[in-house]
C-alpha atoms as a PDB file:
ATOM      1  CA  UNK A   1     -25.440 -20.466  27.328  1.00  0.00           C
ATOM      2  CA  UNK A   2     -24.232 -16.934  26.630  1.00  0.00           C
ATOM      3  CA  UNK A   3     -23.616 -15.261  23.305  1.00  0.00           C
ATOM      4  CA  UNK A   4     -21.104 -12.800  21.857  1.00  0.00           C
ATOM      5  CA  UNK A   5     -21.963 -10.579  18.873  1.00  0.00           C
ATOM      6  CA  UNK A   6     -19.046  -9.266  16.853  1.00  0.00           C
ATOM      7  CA  UNK A   7     -19.390  -6.500  14.321  1.00  0.00           C
ATOM      8  CA  UNK A   8     -16.735  -5.422  11.800  1.00  0.00           C
ATOM      9  CA  UNK A   9     -16.678  -1.770  10.938  1.00  0.00           C
ATOM     10  CA  UNK A  10     -14.733   0.994   9.228  1.00  0.00           C
ATOM     11  CA  UNK A  11     -16.121   4.521   9.112  1.00  0.00           C
ATOM     12  CA  UNK A  12     -19.697   3.320   9.658  1.00  0.00           C
ATOM     13  CA  UNK A  13     -20.979   6.133  11.800  1.00  0.00           C
ATOM     14  CA  UNK A  14     -24.254   6.177   9.781  1.00  0.00           C
ATOM     15  CA  UNK A  15     -24.918   2.507  10.378  1.00  0.00           C
ATOM     16  CA  UNK A  16     -23.228   1.310  13.556  1.00  0.00           C
ATOM     17  CA  UNK A  17     -25.873   2.663  15.960  1.00  0.00           C
ATOM     18  CA  UNK A  18     -28.753   0.696  14.466  1.00  0.00           C
ATOM     19  CA  UNK A  19     -26.604  -2.435  14.111  1.00  0.00           C
ATOM     20  CA  UNK A  20     -25.602  -2.344  17.802  1.00  0.00           C
ATOM     21  CA  UNK A  21     -29.132  -1.470  18.920  1.00  0.00           C
ATOM     22  CA  UNK A  22     -30.390  -4.598  17.137  1.00  0.00           C
ATOM     23  CA  UNK A  23     -27.914  -6.750  19.180  1.00  0.00           C
ATOM     24  CA  UNK A  24     -28.323  -5.238  22.682  1.00  0.00           C
ATOM     25  CA  UNK A  25     -29.888  -8.475  23.798  1.00  0.00           C
ATOM     26  CA  UNK A  26     -26.527 -10.330  23.542  1.00  0.00           C
ATOM     27  CA  UNK A  27     -24.280 -10.836  26.506  1.00  0.00           C
ATOM     28  CA  UNK A  28     -21.299  -9.247  24.844  1.00  0.00           C
ATOM     29  CA  UNK A  29     -20.864  -6.958  21.795  1.00  0.00           C
ATOM     30  CA  UNK A  30     -17.388  -6.619  20.187  1.00  0.00           C
ATOM     31  CA  UNK A  31     -16.885  -4.017  17.507  1.00  0.00           C
ATOM     32  CA  UNK A  32     -13.758  -4.754  15.420  1.00  0.00           C
ATOM     33  CA  UNK A  33     -12.947  -1.270  14.114  1.00  0.00           C
ATOM     34  CA  UNK A  34     -10.179  -0.815  11.560  1.00  0.00           C
ATOM     35  CA  UNK A  35      -9.279   2.656  12.976  1.00  0.00           C
ATOM     36  CA  UNK A  36     -12.317   4.621  11.931  1.00  0.00           C
ATOM     37  CA  UNK A  37     -12.085   8.436  11.823  1.00  0.00           C
ATOM     38  CA  UNK A  38     -15.707   9.392  11.608  1.00  0.00           C
ATOM     39  CA  UNK A  39     -16.884   8.755  15.129  1.00  0.00           C
ATOM     40  CA  UNK A  40     -17.782   5.011  14.718  1.00  0.00           C
ATOM     41  CA  UNK A  41     -15.642   4.169  17.820  1.00  0.00           C
ATOM     42  CA  UNK A  42     -17.291   6.780  20.024  1.00  0.00           C
ATOM     43  CA  UNK A  43     -20.764   5.797  19.029  1.00  0.00           C
ATOM     44  CA  UNK A  44     -20.110   2.105  19.645  1.00  0.00           C
ATOM     45  CA  UNK A  45     -18.620   2.730  23.073  1.00  0.00           C
ATOM     46  CA  UNK A  46     -21.504   5.019  24.057  1.00  0.00           C
ATOM     47  CA  UNK A  47     -23.866   2.071  23.436  1.00  0.00           C
ATOM     48  CA  UNK A  48     -21.862  -0.267  25.715  1.00  0.00           C
ATOM     49  CA  UNK A  49     -19.929  -2.112  23.055  1.00  0.00           C
ATOM     50  CA  UNK A  50     -16.237  -3.167  23.508  1.00  0.00           C
ATOM     51  CA  UNK A  51     -14.227  -1.623  20.600  1.00  0.00           C
ATOM     52  CA  UNK A  52     -11.032  -3.285  19.526  1.00  0.00           C
ATOM     53  CA  UNK A  53      -8.918  -1.644  16.890  1.00  0.00           C
ATOM     54  CA  UNK A  54      -7.626  -4.093  14.256  1.00  0.00           C
ATOM     55  CA  UNK A  55      -5.615  -2.799  11.184  1.00  0.00           C
ATOM     56  CA  UNK A  56      -7.296  -4.012   8.033  1.00  0.00           C
ATOM     57  CA  UNK A  57      -5.447  -6.974   6.407  1.00  0.00           C
ATOM     58  CA  UNK A  58      -8.239  -8.529   4.466  1.00  0.00           C
ATOM     59  CA  UNK A  59     -11.660  -9.540   5.679  1.00  0.00           C
ATOM     60  CA  UNK A  60     -10.724 -13.126   6.564  1.00  0.00           C
ATOM     61  CA  UNK A  61      -7.990 -12.110   8.908  1.00  0.00           C
ATOM     62  CA  UNK A  62     -10.165  -9.347  10.353  1.00  0.00           C
ATOM     63  CA  UNK A  63     -12.934 -11.737  11.221  1.00  0.00           C
ATOM     64  CA  UNK A  64     -10.526 -14.237  12.838  1.00  0.00           C
ATOM     65  CA  UNK A  65      -9.044 -11.498  14.997  1.00  0.00           C
ATOM     66  CA  UNK A  66     -12.509 -10.317  16.017  1.00  0.00           C
ATOM     67  CA  UNK A  67     -13.467 -13.822  17.083  1.00  0.00           C
ATOM     68  CA  UNK A  68     -10.402 -14.004  19.278  1.00  0.00           C
ATOM     69  CA  UNK A  69     -11.935 -11.231  21.421  1.00  0.00           C
ATOM     70  CA  UNK A  70     -15.260 -13.011  21.930  1.00  0.00           C
ATOM     71  CA  UNK A  71     -15.539 -14.747  25.309  1.00  0.00           C
ATOM     72  CA  UNK A  72     -18.980 -16.384  25.335  1.00  0.00           C
ATOM     73  CA  UNK A  73     -20.257 -19.853  24.410  1.00  0.00           C
ATOM     74  CA  UNK A  74     -21.812 -18.826  21.089  1.00  0.00           C
ATOM     75  CA  UNK A  75     -20.798 -16.192  18.549  1.00  0.00           C
ATOM     76  CA  UNK A  76     -23.040 -14.221  16.159  1.00  0.00           C
ATOM     77  CA  UNK A  77     -21.437 -12.340  13.334  1.00  0.00           C
ATOM     78  CA  UNK A  78     -23.086  -9.113  12.108  1.00  0.00           C
ATOM     79  CA  UNK A  79     -21.841  -6.616   9.621  1.00  0.00           C
ATOM     80  CA  UNK A  80     -22.540  -2.983  10.197  1.00  0.00           C
ATOM     81  CA  UNK A  81     -25.115  -2.913   7.436  1.00  0.00           C
ATOM     82  CA  UNK A  82     -27.026  -5.912   8.958  1.00  0.00           C
ATOM     83  CA  UNK A  83     -29.703  -5.779  11.633  1.00  0.00           C
ATOM     84  CA  UNK A  84     -30.891  -8.602  13.887  1.00  0.00           C
ATOM     85  CA  UNK A  85     -34.613  -8.836  14.271  1.00  0.00           C
ATOM     86  CA  UNK A  86     -36.714  -9.817  17.294  1.00  0.00           C
ATOM     87  CA  UNK A  87     -37.730 -13.034  15.461  1.00  0.00           C
ATOM     88  CA  UNK A  88     -34.079 -13.987  14.963  1.00  0.00           C
ATOM     89  CA  UNK A  89     -33.247 -13.090  18.482  1.00  0.00           C
ATOM     90  CA  UNK A  90     -35.917 -15.282  19.950  1.00  0.00           C
ATOM     91  CA  UNK A  91     -35.084 -18.206  17.599  1.00  0.00           C
ATOM     92  CA  UNK A  92     -31.348 -17.998  18.530  1.00  0.00           C
ATOM     93  CA  UNK A  93     -31.944 -17.839  22.268  1.00  0.00           C
ATOM     94  CA  UNK A  94     -34.259 -20.850  22.137  1.00  0.00           C
ATOM     95  CA  UNK A  95     -31.990 -22.778  19.766  1.00  0.00           C
ATOM     96  CA  UNK A  96     -28.704 -22.568  21.634  1.00  0.00           C
ATOM     97  CA  UNK A  97     -30.312 -24.069  24.707  1.00  0.00           C
ATOM     98  CA  UNK A  98     -31.104 -27.325  23.030  1.00  0.00           C
ATOM     99  CA  UNK A  99     -29.236 -27.810  19.748  1.00  0.00           C
ATOM    100  CA  UNK A 100     -26.415 -30.246  19.078  1.00  0.00           C
ATOM    101  CA  UNK A 101     -25.509 -28.486  15.816  1.00  0.00           C
ATOM    102  CA  UNK A 102     -22.460 -26.125  16.047  1.00  0.00           C
ATOM    103  CA  UNK A 103     -22.835 -23.831  13.039  1.00  0.00           C
ATOM    104  CA  UNK A 104     -25.829 -22.075  11.444  1.00  0.00           C
ATOM    105  CA  UNK A 105     -26.439 -19.977   8.337  1.00  0.00           C
ATOM    106  CA  UNK A 106     -28.901 -17.100   8.580  1.00  0.00           C
ATOM    107  CA  UNK A 107     -30.950 -15.856   5.610  1.00  0.00           C
ATOM    108  CA  UNK A 108     -30.791 -12.199   4.834  1.00  0.00           C
ATOM    109  CA  UNK A 109     -33.584  -9.944   3.533  1.00  0.00           C
ATOM    110  CA  UNK A 110     -32.159  -6.934   1.620  1.00  0.00           C
ATOM    111  CA  UNK A 111     -33.528  -3.421   1.352  1.00  0.00           C
ATOM    112  CA  UNK A 112     -32.264  -1.188  -1.496  1.00  0.00           C
ATOM    113  CA  UNK A 113     -33.465   1.953  -3.269  1.00  0.00           C
ATOM    114  CA  UNK A 114     -36.668   2.128  -1.220  1.00  0.00           C
ATOM    115  CA  UNK A 115     -37.840  -1.471  -1.530  1.00  0.00           C
ATOM    116  CA  UNK A 116     -37.330  -4.987  -0.181  1.00  0.00           C
ATOM    117  CA  UNK A 117     -35.543  -7.025  -2.933  1.00  0.00           C
ATOM    118  CA  UNK A 118     -37.277 -10.281  -3.790  1.00  0.00           C
ATOM    119  CA  UNK A 119     -34.986 -11.608  -6.524  1.00  0.00           C
ATOM    120  CA  UNK A 120     -31.581 -10.676  -8.051  1.00  0.00           C
ATOM    121  CA  UNK A 121     -29.859 -13.331  -5.943  1.00  0.00           C
ATOM    122  CA  UNK A 122     -30.511 -11.178  -2.943  1.00  0.00           C
ATOM    123  CA  UNK A 123     -33.437 -12.990  -1.306  1.00  0.00           C
ATOM    124  CA  UNK A 124     -32.953 -15.014   0.540  1.00  0.00           C
ATOM    125  CA  UNK A 125     -29.233 -14.745   0.367  1.00  0.00           C
ATOM    126  CA  UNK A 126     -26.523 -15.968   2.697  1.00  0.00           C
ATOM    127  CA  UNK A 127     -22.883 -15.132   3.403  1.00  0.00           C
ATOM    128  CA  UNK A 128     -20.689 -17.336   5.617  1.00  0.00           C
ATOM    129  CA  UNK A 129     -22.546 -19.001   8.504  1.00  0.00           C
ATOM    130  CA  UNK A 130     -23.239 -16.294  11.055  1.00  0.00           C
ATOM    131  CA  UNK A 131     -24.017 -18.217  14.227  1.00  0.00           C
ATOM    132  CA  UNK A 132     -21.540 -20.734  15.656  1.00  0.00           C
ATOM    133  CA  UNK A 133     -20.363 -22.280  18.809  1.00  0.00           C
ATOM    134  CA  UNK A 134     -17.057 -20.827  20.050  1.00  0.00           C
ATOM    135  CA  UNK A 135     -14.089 -22.705  18.570  1.00  0.00           C
ATOM    136  CA  UNK A 136     -16.186 -24.437  15.859  1.00  0.00           C
ATOM    137  CA  UNK A 137     -15.613 -22.030  12.923  1.00  0.00           C
ATOM    138  CA  UNK A 138     -12.975 -19.746  11.544  1.00  0.00           C
ATOM    139  CA  UNK A 139     -12.248 -17.946   8.218  1.00  0.00           C
ATOM    140  CA  UNK A 140      -9.675 -18.360   5.470  1.00  0.00           C
ATOM    141  CA  UNK A 141      -7.303 -15.477   4.810  1.00  0.00           C
ATOM    142  CA  UNK A 142      -8.768 -14.284   1.465  1.00  0.00           C
ATOM    143  CA  UNK A 143      -8.908 -10.496   1.394  1.00  0.00           C
ATOM    144  CA  UNK A 144     -12.484 -10.390   0.177  1.00  0.00           C
ATOM    145  CA  UNK A 145     -15.408 -12.818  -0.221  1.00  0.00           C
ATOM    146  CA  UNK A 146     -13.612 -14.856   2.413  1.00  0.00           C
ATOM    147  CA  UNK A 147     -14.646 -18.443   3.021  1.00  0.00           C
ATOM    148  CA  UNK A 148     -15.257 -20.219   6.275  1.00  0.00           C
ATOM    149  CA  UNK A 149     -13.596 -23.268   7.843  1.00  0.00           C
ATOM    150  CA  UNK A 150     -15.745 -25.627   9.855  1.00  0.00           C
ATOM    151  CA  UNK A 151     -14.149 -27.278  12.900  1.00  0.00           C
ATOM    152  CA  UNK A 152     -17.273 -29.381  13.560  1.00  0.00           C
ATOM    153  CA  UNK A 153     -18.186 -32.876  12.434  1.00  0.00           C
ATOM    154  CA  UNK A 154     -21.820 -31.980  12.383  1.00  0.00           C
ATOM    155  CA  UNK A 155     -23.914 -30.617   9.494  1.00  0.00           C
ATOM    156  CA  UNK A 156     -24.583 -26.960   9.118  1.00  0.00           C
ATOM    157  CA  UNK A 157     -27.982 -25.773  10.228  1.00  0.00           C
ATOM    158  CA  UNK A 158     -30.127 -22.886   8.918  1.00  0.00           C
ATOM    159  CA  UNK A 159     -32.017 -20.340  11.009  1.00  0.00           C
ATOM    160  CA  UNK A 160     -35.642 -19.929   9.821  1.00  0.00           C
ATOM    161  CA  UNK A 161     -36.094 -16.198  10.314  1.00  0.00           C
ATOM    162  CA  UNK A 162     -34.322 -13.415   8.386  1.00  0.00           C
ATOM    163  CA  UNK A 163     -32.001 -10.767   9.487  1.00  0.00           C
ATOM    164  CA  UNK A 164     -32.186  -7.457   7.538  1.00  0.00           C
ATOM    165  CA  UNK A 165     -29.387  -6.052   5.426  1.00  0.00           C
ATOM    166  CA  UNK A 166     -29.070  -2.489   4.062  1.00  0.00           C
ATOM    167  CA  UNK A 167     -26.093  -3.025   1.711  1.00  0.00           C
ATOM    168  CA  UNK A 168     -25.947   0.434   0.129  1.00  0.00           C
ATOM    169  CA  UNK A 169     -27.363   3.757   1.428  1.00  0.00           C
ATOM    170  CA  UNK A 170     -27.085   5.423  -1.992  1.00  0.00           C
ATOM    171  CA  UNK A 171     -25.617   5.080  -5.477  1.00  0.00           C
ATOM    172  CA  UNK A 172     -22.289   6.578  -4.402  1.00  0.00           C
ATOM    173  CA  UNK A 173     -21.817   3.718  -2.035  1.00  0.00           C
ATOM    174  CA  UNK A 174     -22.589   1.187  -4.790  1.00  0.00           C
ATOM    175  CA  UNK A 175     -19.793   2.775  -6.842  1.00  0.00           C
ATOM    176  CA  UNK A 176     -17.428   2.910  -3.835  1.00  0.00           C
ATOM    177  CA  UNK A 177     -17.934  -0.744  -2.978  1.00  0.00           C
ATOM    178  CA  UNK A 178     -17.549  -1.861  -6.564  1.00  0.00           C
ATOM    179  CA  UNK A 179     -14.237  -0.046  -6.651  1.00  0.00           C
ATOM    180  CA  UNK A 180     -12.974  -1.286  -3.247  1.00  0.00           C
ATOM    181  CA  UNK A 181     -14.050  -4.963  -3.768  1.00  0.00           C
ATOM    182  CA  UNK A 182     -12.573  -5.053  -7.230  1.00  0.00           C
ATOM    183  CA  UNK A 183      -9.285  -3.856  -5.901  1.00  0.00           C
ATOM    184  CA  UNK A 184      -9.334  -6.462  -3.062  1.00  0.00           C
ATOM    185  CA  UNK A 185     -10.343  -9.146  -5.530  1.00  0.00           C
ATOM    186  CA  UNK A 186      -7.159  -8.719  -7.647  1.00  0.00           C
ATOM    187  CA  UNK A 187      -5.049 -10.856  -5.304  1.00  0.00           C
ATOM    188  CA  UNK A 188      -7.622 -13.694  -5.501  1.00  0.00           C
ATOM    189  CA  UNK A 189      -7.328 -13.674  -9.332  1.00  0.00           C
ATOM    190  CA  UNK A 190      -3.555 -13.583  -9.021  1.00  0.00           C
ATOM    191  CA  UNK A 191      -3.632 -16.720  -6.877  1.00  0.00           C
ATOM    192  CA  UNK A 192      -5.375 -18.547  -9.769  1.00  0.00           C
ATOM    193  CA  UNK A 193      -2.549 -17.723 -12.208  1.00  0.00           C
ATOM    194  CA  UNK A 194      -4.886 -16.206 -14.833  1.00  0.00           C
ATOM    195  CA  UNK A 195      -4.186 -13.029 -16.864  1.00  0.00           C
ATOM    196  CA  UNK A 196      -6.279  -9.888 -16.818  1.00  0.00           C
ATOM    197  CA  UNK A 197      -7.504  -8.076 -19.943  1.00  0.00           C
ATOM    198  CA  UNK A 198     -10.237  -5.870 -21.300  1.00  0.00           C
ATOM    199  CA  UNK A 199     -12.000  -8.564 -23.296  1.00  0.00           C
ATOM    200  CA  UNK A 200     -11.757 -11.080 -20.470  1.00  0.00           C
ATOM    201  CA  UNK A 201     -13.097  -8.437 -18.066  1.00  0.00           C
ATOM    202  CA  UNK A 202     -16.010  -7.647 -20.370  1.00  0.00           C
ATOM    203  CA  UNK A 203     -16.941 -11.333 -20.796  1.00  0.00           C
ATOM    204  CA  UNK A 204     -16.815 -12.083 -17.065  1.00  0.00           C
ATOM    205  CA  UNK A 205     -18.616  -8.843 -16.325  1.00  0.00           C
ATOM    206  CA  UNK A 206     -21.382  -9.648 -18.749  1.00  0.00           C
ATOM    207  CA  UNK A 207     -21.797 -13.080 -17.223  1.00  0.00           C
ATOM    208  CA  UNK A 208     -22.108 -11.469 -13.768  1.00  0.00           C
ATOM    209  CA  UNK A 209     -24.794  -9.128 -15.077  1.00  0.00           C
ATOM    210  CA  UNK A 210     -26.658 -11.864 -16.935  1.00  0.00           C
ATOM    211  CA  UNK A 211     -26.545 -14.219 -13.944  1.00  0.00           C
ATOM    212  CA  UNK A 212     -28.132 -11.621 -11.611  1.00  0.00           C
ATOM    213  CA  UNK A 213     -30.502  -9.962 -14.061  1.00  0.00           C
ATOM    214  CA  UNK A 214     -31.707 -13.018 -15.982  1.00  0.00           C
ATOM    215  CA  UNK A 215     -31.006 -16.293 -14.119  1.00  0.00           C
ATOM    216  CA  UNK A 216     -31.590 -14.907 -10.662  1.00  0.00           C
ATOM    217  CA  UNK A 217     -34.715 -13.029 -11.934  1.00  0.00           C
ATOM    218  CA  UNK A 218     -33.358  -9.533 -11.220  1.00  0.00           C
ATOM    219  CA  UNK A 219     -35.623  -8.167 -14.001  1.00  0.00           C
ATOM    220  CA  UNK A 220     -38.602  -8.903 -11.737  1.00  0.00           C
ATOM    221  CA  UNK A 221     -37.151  -6.292  -9.300  1.00  0.00           C
ATOM    222  CA  UNK A 222     -37.577  -3.673 -11.962  1.00  0.00           C
ATOM    223  CA  UNK A 223     -35.049  -0.823 -12.205  1.00  0.00           C
ATOM    224  CA  UNK A 224     -33.471  -1.774  -8.878  1.00  0.00           C
ATOM    225  CA  UNK A 225     -32.658  -5.222 -10.272  1.00  0.00           C
ATOM    226  CA  UNK A 226     -30.875  -3.612 -13.244  1.00  0.00           C
ATOM    227  CA  UNK A 227     -28.848  -1.488 -10.828  1.00  0.00           C
ATOM    228  CA  UNK A 228     -27.835  -4.563  -8.827  1.00  0.00           C
ATOM    229  CA  UNK A 229     -26.876  -6.495 -11.981  1.00  0.00           C
ATOM    230  CA  UNK A 230     -24.955  -3.546 -13.368  1.00  0.00           C
ATOM    231  CA  UNK A 231     -23.048  -3.139 -10.127  1.00  0.00           C
ATOM    232  CA  UNK A 232     -21.971  -6.776 -10.348  1.00  0.00           C
ATOM    233  CA  UNK A 233     -20.867  -6.074 -13.922  1.00  0.00           C
ATOM    234  CA  UNK A 234     -18.754  -3.128 -12.798  1.00  0.00           C
ATOM    235  CA  UNK A 235     -17.073  -4.882  -9.889  1.00  0.00           C
ATOM    236  CA  UNK A 236     -16.244  -7.895 -12.031  1.00  0.00           C
ATOM    237  CA  UNK A 237     -15.055  -5.894 -15.060  1.00  0.00           C
ATOM    238  CA  UNK A 238     -12.734  -3.625 -13.080  1.00  0.00           C
ATOM    239  CA  UNK A 239     -11.241  -6.544 -11.179  1.00  0.00           C
ATOM    240  CA  UNK A 240      -9.820  -7.915 -14.425  1.00  0.00           C
ATOM    241  CA  UNK A 241      -8.682  -4.454 -15.600  1.00  0.00           C
ATOM    242  CA  UNK A 242      -6.864  -3.870 -12.278  1.00  0.00           C
ATOM    243  CA  UNK A 243      -5.262  -7.289 -12.609  1.00  0.00           C
ATOM    244  CA  UNK A 244      -4.071  -6.361 -16.081  1.00  0.00           C
ATOM    245  CA  UNK A 245      -2.611  -3.121 -14.643  1.00  0.00           C
ATOM    246  CA  UNK A 246      -0.724  -5.144 -11.983  1.00  0.00           C
ATOM    247  CA  UNK A 247       0.643  -7.560 -14.478  1.00  0.00           C
ATOM    248  CA  UNK A 248       1.641  -4.940 -17.182  1.00  0.00           C
ATOM    249  CA  UNK A 249       3.020  -2.441 -14.643  1.00  0.00           C
ATOM    250  CA  UNK A 250       2.840   0.364 -17.186  1.00  0.00           C
ATOM    251  CA  UNK A 251       4.949   3.414 -16.696  1.00  0.00           C
ATOM    252  CA  UNK A 252       4.723   6.827 -18.434  1.00  0.00           C
ATOM    253  CA  UNK A 253       7.323   7.593 -21.100  1.00  0.00           C
ATOM    254  CA  UNK A 254      10.382   9.408 -19.913  1.00  0.00           C
ATOM    255  CA  UNK A 255      10.615  13.113 -20.729  1.00  0.00           C
ATOM    256  CA  UNK A 256      14.082  14.569 -21.147  1.00  0.00           C
ATOM    257  CA  UNK A 257      14.767  18.199 -20.156  1.00  0.00           C
ATOM    258  CA  UNK A 258      13.706  20.580 -22.919  1.00  0.00           C
ATOM    259  CA  UNK A 259      15.632  23.764 -23.039  1.00  0.00           C
ATOM    260  CA  UNK A 260      15.250  26.943 -24.949  1.00  0.00           C
ATOM    261  CA  UNK A 261      16.098  26.445 -28.620  1.00  0.00           C
ATOM    262  CA  UNK A 262      19.000  28.448 -30.127  1.00  0.00           C
ATOM    263  CA  UNK A 263      17.244  28.612 -33.462  1.00  0.00           C
END
């Protein structure tokens, strides 16, 4: 059994080297690059990865196109801020030789602001299943927080060991991702038929903050837990504000030419 690793990336020159280095044990590494301009492509190719350029049209479509370039029996999905570990490598290589299960989730251990996060909904946390037999999983076309579609009649398994994730290198990236993801999330809200608004954004934002800081025990992570919860507030709040902007379609008042007065 052979395995492909695919990595999605856009301007990830600071992260792509470590990500690829953590996957050099795979039989094939595909980097789905959405036309980076910071040297991501060159770094990936220098490490032996195959780079395919895919224009960004939402994360779901991007992942499906990346899968189409994978040629091996199994596929492992890594994002550029994720790192495979030796323990996960060994578990995967042993597993795919004997398992009858087609799809597996992998727990992630997150590092942020100088510490490993133990709460805040970040440990252990999962995204879509990351290990699957070729042809047994795809993604829906949602632009962000895309879902997965199982093409297997078997239950989904879970890897025991953790991969590492470094979601934000600094506060600027927290703000950037909150802005980017809130913009991409507008179309998801539009599909539900709801309206945006300041109060609605505040209420949903406060729920996002409370969920991560209180119910997911973010307060036990100290100041870092507050930053994580506040980042979730911002992303949620601005999503509803941006939806309101789309729906209202405000324009500035027209200004007629103003000439010199004869008075």
